[in-house]
């Protein structure tokens, strides 16, 4: 009888999990203002090819010549790789133009939409 109950329980549990989809544990995009697109030109300080997200640390000069470091979030390395990015795509000292959805709190950061060289050559495929 116990064996029968154990098998029945296992069958019910197995059947219950068949209809469930994958669960994605990830943070929300709510911190980024996706209604506002910002374009920046700056010098790469660092390109971090790390899980769970890659980051671009970009030094951007304002109209007064003051440099501000912007931290831009990107997708996971696997996602970027599928979109033509490589760990060697960006090098420190390289000048790039990027489009981002900025942080809602006004901080110097955002999530990358696309990136190009100063002459307009795309770096990887568009990300958003």
N, C-alpha and C. Protein backbone atom coordinates (compact mmCIF):
# COMPACT_ATOMS: atom_id res chain seq x y z
N UNK A 1 0.82 -1.20 0.00
CA UNK A 1 0.00 0.00 0.00
C UNK A 1 0.86 1.26 0.00
N UNK A 2 1.93 1.25 0.82
CA UNK A 2 2.81 2.42 0.87
C UNK A 2 3.49 2.65 -0.48
N UNK A 3 3.89 1.58 -1.11
CA UNK A 3 4.52 1.68 -2.42
C UNK A 3 3.54 2.29 -3.43
N UNK A 4 2.29 1.84 -3.37
CA UNK A 4 1.26 2.38 -4.26
C UNK A 4 1.06 3.88 -4.03
N UNK A 5 1.00 4.31 -2.78
CA UNK A 5 0.83 5.73 -2.46
C UNK A 5 2.04 6.54 -2.92
N UNK A 6 3.23 5.99 -2.73
CA UNK A 6 4.45 6.69 -3.15
C UNK A 6 4.47 6.84 -4.67
N UNK A 7 4.12 5.79 -5.39
CA UNK A 7 4.09 5.87 -6.85
C UNK A 7 3.00 6.84 -7.34
N UNK A 8 1.85 6.78 -6.71
CA UNK A 8 0.76 7.70 -7.08
C UNK A 8 1.17 9.14 -6.83
N UNK A 9 1.81 9.39 -5.70
CA UNK A 9 2.28 10.74 -5.38
C UNK A 9 3.31 11.23 -6.39
N UNK A 10 4.21 10.33 -6.77
CA UNK A 10 5.24 10.70 -7.75
C UNK A 10 4.61 11.01 -9.10
N UNK A 11 3.61 10.24 -9.49
CA UNK A 11 2.91 10.49 -10.75
C UNK A 11 2.18 11.84 -10.74
N UNK A 12 1.51 12.13 -9.65
CA UNK A 12 0.79 13.41 -9.53
C UNK A 12 1.78 14.57 -9.58
N UNK A 13 2.87 14.46 -8.85
CA UNK A 13 3.88 15.52 -8.85
C UNK A 13 4.49 15.68 -10.23
N UNK A 14 4.79 14.58 -10.89
CA UNK A 14 5.36 14.64 -12.24
C UNK A 14 4.39 15.27 -13.22
N UNK A 15 3.13 14.89 -13.14
CA UNK A 15 2.12 15.46 -14.04
C UNK A 15 1.92 16.95 -13.78
N UNK A 16 2.00 17.34 -12.52
CA UNK A 16 1.81 18.75 -12.18
C UNK A 16 2.94 19.62 -12.73
N UNK A 17 4.14 19.07 -12.80
CA UNK A 17 5.26 19.87 -13.28
C UNK A 17 5.37 19.90 -14.80
N UNK A 18 4.68 19.01 -15.49
CA UNK A 18 4.73 19.01 -16.95
C UNK A 18 4.16 20.28 -17.55
N UNK A 19 3.16 20.84 -16.94
CA UNK A 19 2.50 22.02 -17.49
C UNK A 19 3.14 23.34 -17.10
N UNK A 20 4.18 23.30 -16.30
CA UNK A 20 4.80 24.55 -15.87
C UNK A 20 5.85 24.99 -16.86
N UNK A 21 5.96 26.27 -17.06
CA UNK A 21 6.98 26.82 -17.94
C UNK A 21 8.25 27.09 -17.17
N UNK A 22 9.25 27.52 -17.87
CA UNK A 22 10.51 27.86 -17.23
C UNK A 22 10.34 29.13 -16.40
N UNK A 23 11.00 29.16 -15.28
CA UNK A 23 10.97 30.34 -14.43
C UNK A 23 12.26 31.09 -14.67
N UNK A 24 12.15 32.37 -14.90
CA UNK A 24 13.33 33.18 -15.14
C UNK A 24 13.55 34.08 -13.94
N UNK A 25 14.66 33.88 -13.26
CA UNK A 25 14.99 34.71 -12.11
C UNK A 25 15.86 35.85 -12.61
N UNK A 26 15.27 37.01 -12.68
CA UNK A 26 16.01 38.15 -13.20
C UNK A 26 15.38 39.43 -12.67
N UNK A 27 16.17 40.47 -12.59
CA UNK A 27 15.61 41.72 -12.09
C UNK A 27 14.79 42.41 -13.16
N UNK A 28 13.99 43.31 -12.72
CA UNK A 28 13.11 44.07 -13.59
C UNK A 28 13.89 45.13 -14.36
N UNK A 29 13.30 45.59 -15.45
CA UNK A 29 13.87 46.71 -16.21
C UNK A 29 13.27 48.03 -15.73
N UNK A 30 12.51 47.99 -14.64
CA UNK A 30 11.80 49.18 -14.16
C UNK A 30 12.75 50.32 -13.78
N UNK A 31 13.98 50.02 -13.45
CA UNK A 31 14.91 51.08 -13.07
C UNK A 31 15.38 51.92 -14.26
N UNK A 32 15.09 51.44 -15.47
CA UNK A 32 15.48 52.15 -16.68
C UNK A 32 14.27 52.81 -17.31
N UNK A 33 14.43 54.05 -17.78
CA UNK A 33 13.34 54.78 -18.43
C UNK A 33 13.33 54.41 -19.91
N UNK A 34 12.49 53.45 -20.26
CA UNK A 34 12.44 52.95 -21.63
C UNK A 34 11.65 53.85 -22.57
N UNK A 35 11.16 54.97 -22.06
CA UNK A 35 10.49 55.97 -22.90
C UNK A 35 11.47 57.06 -23.34
N UNK A 36 12.68 57.01 -22.79
CA UNK A 36 13.68 58.05 -23.05
C UNK A 36 14.96 57.39 -23.54
N UNK A 37 15.40 57.78 -24.73
CA UNK A 37 16.63 57.24 -25.30
C UNK A 37 17.69 58.32 -25.22
N UNK A 38 18.86 57.99 -24.69
CA UNK A 38 19.96 58.93 -24.55
C UNK A 38 21.14 58.43 -25.37
N UNK A 39 21.78 59.33 -26.11
CA UNK A 39 22.99 58.99 -26.88
C UNK A 39 24.19 59.62 -26.20
N UNK A 40 25.24 58.84 -26.05
CA UNK A 40 26.47 59.30 -25.40
C UNK A 40 27.67 58.95 -26.27
N UNK A 41 28.67 59.80 -26.23
CA UNK A 41 29.96 59.50 -26.84
C UNK A 41 31.00 59.62 -25.74
N UNK A 42 31.86 58.63 -25.64
CA UNK A 42 32.87 58.67 -24.60
C UNK A 42 33.98 57.67 -24.85
N UNK A 43 34.85 57.58 -23.86
CA UNK A 43 36.01 56.69 -23.93
C UNK A 43 35.80 55.52 -22.98
N UNK A 44 35.98 54.33 -23.51
CA UNK A 44 35.81 53.12 -22.70
C UNK A 44 36.90 53.09 -21.62
N UNK A 45 36.47 53.01 -20.37
CA UNK A 45 37.41 52.82 -19.27
C UNK A 45 37.60 51.33 -19.03
N UNK A 46 36.47 50.58 -19.14
CA UNK A 46 36.54 49.14 -18.93
C UNK A 46 35.32 48.47 -19.57
N UNK A 47 35.55 47.30 -20.15
CA UNK A 47 34.47 46.46 -20.66
C UNK A 47 34.50 45.19 -19.84
N UNK A 48 33.46 44.99 -19.04
CA UNK A 48 33.41 43.85 -18.13
C UNK A 48 32.56 42.74 -18.75
N UNK A 49 33.21 41.66 -19.14
CA UNK A 49 32.54 40.50 -19.75
C UNK A 49 32.31 39.49 -18.63
N UNK A 50 31.25 39.68 -17.86
CA UNK A 50 31.00 38.86 -16.68
C UNK A 50 29.54 38.45 -16.60
N UNK A 51 29.29 37.36 -15.90
CA UNK A 51 27.92 36.95 -15.59
C UNK A 51 27.48 37.62 -14.29
N UNK A 52 26.25 37.96 -14.10
CA UNK A 52 25.14 37.70 -15.01
C UNK A 52 24.96 38.78 -16.08
N UNK A 53 25.69 39.88 -15.98
CA UNK A 53 25.59 40.96 -16.96
C UNK A 53 26.97 41.46 -17.33
N UNK A 54 27.11 41.89 -18.57
CA UNK A 54 28.31 42.60 -18.99
C UNK A 54 28.07 44.09 -18.73
N UNK A 55 29.15 44.83 -18.56
CA UNK A 55 29.04 46.27 -18.31
C UNK A 55 30.07 47.02 -19.14
N UNK A 56 29.70 48.24 -19.52
CA UNK A 56 30.64 49.18 -20.13
C UNK A 56 30.79 50.33 -19.15
N UNK A 57 32.02 50.61 -18.75
CA UNK A 57 32.32 51.79 -17.94
C UNK A 57 32.84 52.83 -18.94
N UNK A 58 32.10 53.91 -19.11
CA UNK A 58 32.39 54.90 -20.14
C UNK A 58 32.63 56.26 -19.53
N UNK A 59 33.74 56.88 -19.89
CA UNK A 59 34.05 58.24 -19.44
C UNK A 59 33.48 59.21 -20.46
N UNK A 60 32.55 60.06 -20.01
CA UNK A 60 31.86 61.01 -20.88
C UNK A 60 32.18 62.42 -20.42
N UNK A 61 32.63 63.27 -21.35
CA UNK A 61 32.95 64.67 -21.04
C UNK A 61 31.71 65.53 -21.22
N UNK A 62 31.45 66.42 -20.25
CA UNK A 62 30.33 67.34 -20.41
C UNK A 62 30.81 68.60 -21.14
N UNK A 63 29.93 69.57 -21.32
CA UNK A 63 30.25 70.79 -22.06
C UNK A 63 31.36 71.59 -21.41
N UNK A 64 31.55 71.43 -20.09
CA UNK A 64 32.60 72.16 -19.38
C UNK A 64 33.92 71.39 -19.31
N UNK A 65 33.97 70.23 -19.96
CA UNK A 65 35.20 69.43 -19.95
C UNK A 65 35.35 68.53 -18.74
N UNK A 66 34.30 68.42 -17.93
CA UNK A 66 34.35 67.55 -16.75
C UNK A 66 33.95 66.13 -17.15
N UNK A 67 34.78 65.16 -16.77
CA UNK A 67 34.51 63.76 -17.09
C UNK A 67 33.62 63.13 -16.03
N UNK A 68 32.62 62.39 -16.50
CA UNK A 68 31.74 61.62 -15.63
C UNK A 68 31.79 60.17 -16.08
N UNK A 69 31.93 59.27 -15.12
CA UNK A 69 31.93 57.85 -15.46
C UNK A 69 30.50 57.32 -15.46
N UNK A 70 30.11 56.76 -16.59
CA UNK A 70 28.79 56.15 -16.76
C UNK A 70 28.96 54.64 -16.70
N UNK A 71 28.03 53.97 -16.03
CA UNK A 71 28.04 52.51 -15.94
C UNK A 71 26.83 51.99 -16.71
N UNK A 72 27.09 51.30 -17.81
CA UNK A 72 26.02 50.80 -18.66
C UNK A 72 25.92 49.29 -18.57
N UNK A 73 24.71 48.83 -18.25
CA UNK A 73 24.44 47.41 -18.15
C UNK A 73 24.11 46.84 -19.52
N UNK A 74 24.50 45.60 -19.70
CA UNK A 74 24.19 44.87 -20.93
C UNK A 74 23.65 43.50 -20.55
N UNK A 75 23.41 42.66 -21.54
CA UNK A 75 22.93 41.30 -21.29
C UNK A 75 24.05 40.40 -20.81
N UNK A 76 23.71 39.14 -20.67
CA UNK A 76 24.68 38.12 -20.27
C UNK A 76 25.66 37.86 -21.41
N UNK A 77 26.87 37.39 -21.11
CA UNK A 77 27.83 37.10 -22.16
C UNK A 77 27.28 36.20 -23.26
N UNK A 78 26.50 35.19 -22.90
CA UNK A 78 25.93 34.27 -23.90
C UNK A 78 25.02 35.03 -24.87
N UNK A 79 24.20 35.94 -24.33
CA UNK A 79 23.29 36.74 -25.16
C UNK A 79 24.10 37.67 -26.08
N UNK A 80 25.09 38.34 -25.52
CA UNK A 80 25.91 39.25 -26.32
C UNK A 80 26.67 38.49 -27.41
N UNK A 81 27.20 37.32 -27.06
CA UNK A 81 27.93 36.52 -28.04
C UNK A 81 27.04 36.18 -29.23
N UNK A 82 25.79 35.83 -28.95
CA UNK A 82 24.84 35.51 -30.02
C UNK A 82 24.51 36.73 -30.88
N UNK A 83 24.77 37.93 -30.35
CA UNK A 83 24.52 39.17 -31.08
C UNK A 83 25.81 39.79 -31.63
N UNK A 84 26.85 38.98 -31.75
CA UNK A 84 28.06 39.43 -32.41
C UNK A 84 29.10 40.09 -31.54
N UNK A 85 28.85 40.19 -30.25
CA UNK A 85 29.83 40.78 -29.33
C UNK A 85 30.82 39.71 -28.90
N UNK A 86 32.04 40.14 -28.59
CA UNK A 86 33.08 39.26 -28.07
C UNK A 86 33.76 39.99 -26.91
N UNK A 87 34.48 39.26 -26.05
CA UNK A 87 35.19 39.93 -24.97
C UNK A 87 36.17 40.99 -25.48
N UNK A 88 36.62 40.84 -26.72
CA UNK A 88 37.59 41.78 -27.30
C UNK A 88 36.92 42.90 -28.11
N UNK A 89 35.59 42.97 -28.12
CA UNK A 89 34.89 43.97 -28.93
C UNK A 89 35.28 45.39 -28.51
N UNK A 90 35.39 45.62 -27.21
CA UNK A 90 35.75 46.95 -26.71
C UNK A 90 37.06 46.88 -25.94
N UNK A 91 37.86 47.91 -26.12
CA UNK A 91 39.14 48.01 -25.42
C UNK A 91 39.20 49.33 -24.66
N UNK A 92 39.88 49.32 -23.54
CA UNK A 92 40.07 50.55 -22.77
C UNK A 92 40.74 51.59 -23.66
N UNK A 93 40.24 52.82 -23.62
CA UNK A 93 40.78 53.90 -24.43
C UNK A 93 40.06 54.10 -25.75
N UNK A 94 39.22 53.15 -26.13
CA UNK A 94 38.47 53.23 -27.39
C UNK A 94 37.31 54.21 -27.24
N UNK A 95 37.10 55.04 -28.26
CA UNK A 95 35.97 55.97 -28.28
C UNK A 95 34.79 55.28 -28.95
N UNK A 96 33.62 55.36 -28.31
CA UNK A 96 32.41 54.77 -28.87
C UNK A 96 31.23 55.72 -28.68
N UNK A 97 30.19 55.48 -29.47
CA UNK A 97 28.90 56.15 -29.31
C UNK A 97 27.91 55.07 -28.91
N UNK A 98 27.12 55.34 -27.88
CA UNK A 98 26.12 54.36 -27.47
C UNK A 98 24.77 55.02 -27.27
N UNK A 99 23.74 54.23 -27.45
CA UNK A 99 22.38 54.64 -27.13
C UNK A 99 21.94 53.79 -25.95
N UNK A 100 21.34 54.45 -24.96
CA UNK A 100 20.91 53.74 -23.75
C UNK A 100 19.51 54.19 -23.34
N UNK A 101 18.88 53.36 -22.52
CA UNK A 101 17.74 53.78 -21.74
C UNK A 101 18.33 54.15 -20.38
N UNK A 102 18.23 55.43 -19.97
CA UNK A 102 18.90 55.88 -18.76
C UNK A 102 18.22 55.39 -17.48
N UNK A 103 18.96 55.49 -16.39
CA UNK A 103 18.39 55.19 -15.08
C UNK A 103 17.30 56.21 -14.76
N UNK A 104 16.22 55.75 -14.19
CA UNK A 104 15.11 56.65 -13.82
C UNK A 104 15.52 57.65 -12.73
N UNK A 105 16.47 57.26 -11.88
CA UNK A 105 16.85 58.13 -10.77
C UNK A 105 17.81 59.25 -11.19
N UNK A 106 18.14 59.32 -12.47
CA UNK A 106 19.02 60.38 -12.96
C UNK A 106 20.50 60.10 -12.81
N UNK A 107 20.85 58.94 -12.28
CA UNK A 107 22.25 58.58 -12.12
C UNK A 107 22.94 58.38 -13.46
N UNK A 108 24.26 58.33 -13.43
CA UNK A 108 25.06 58.17 -14.64
C UNK A 108 25.13 56.70 -15.01
N UNK A 109 24.05 56.20 -15.59
CA UNK A 109 24.01 54.80 -15.98
C UNK A 109 22.78 54.50 -16.80
N UNK A 110 22.71 53.29 -17.30
CA UNK A 110 21.57 52.88 -18.10
C UNK A 110 21.80 51.49 -18.66
N UNK A 111 20.90 51.11 -19.55
CA UNK A 111 21.02 49.82 -20.22
C UNK A 111 21.27 50.09 -21.71
N UNK A 112 22.22 49.39 -22.29
CA UNK A 112 22.66 49.63 -23.67
C UNK A 112 21.62 49.13 -24.67
N UNK A 113 21.31 49.99 -25.64
CA UNK A 113 20.44 49.64 -26.77
C UNK A 113 21.32 49.24 -27.96
N UNK A 114 22.28 50.10 -28.29
CA UNK A 114 23.23 49.80 -29.35
C UNK A 114 24.49 50.63 -29.16
N UNK A 115 25.52 50.23 -29.88
CA UNK A 115 26.81 50.92 -29.80
C UNK A 115 27.46 50.93 -31.17
N UNK A 116 28.17 52.03 -31.45
CA UNK A 116 28.87 52.17 -32.73
C UNK A 116 30.24 52.79 -32.49
N UNK A 117 31.08 52.66 -33.51
CA UNK A 117 32.33 53.40 -33.51
C UNK A 117 31.97 54.86 -33.82
N UNK A 118 32.90 55.80 -33.61
CA UNK A 118 32.58 57.21 -33.89
C UNK A 118 32.13 57.46 -35.33
N UNK A 119 32.60 56.62 -36.27
CA UNK A 119 32.19 56.82 -37.67
C UNK A 119 30.91 56.06 -38.03
N UNK A 120 30.25 55.47 -37.03
CA UNK A 120 28.95 54.84 -37.26
C UNK A 120 28.95 53.35 -37.51
N UNK A 121 30.11 52.69 -37.46
CA UNK A 121 30.16 51.24 -37.68
C UNK A 121 29.58 50.54 -36.44
N UNK A 122 28.56 49.68 -36.64
CA UNK A 122 27.93 49.00 -35.50
C UNK A 122 28.90 48.07 -34.78
N UNK A 123 28.78 48.04 -33.46
CA UNK A 123 29.51 47.09 -32.64
C UNK A 123 28.51 46.01 -32.25
N UNK A 124 28.59 44.86 -32.86
CA UNK A 124 27.59 43.81 -32.62
C UNK A 124 26.26 44.21 -33.23
N UNK A 125 25.23 43.43 -32.92
CA UNK A 125 23.88 43.72 -33.40
C UNK A 125 23.14 44.54 -32.36
N UNK A 126 22.08 45.23 -32.79
CA UNK A 126 21.26 46.01 -31.87
C UNK A 126 20.76 45.10 -30.76
N UNK A 127 20.80 45.59 -29.52
CA UNK A 127 20.47 44.75 -28.37
C UNK A 127 19.04 44.90 -27.88
N UNK A 128 18.36 45.96 -28.20
CA UNK A 128 16.98 46.14 -27.73
C UNK A 128 16.06 46.48 -28.87
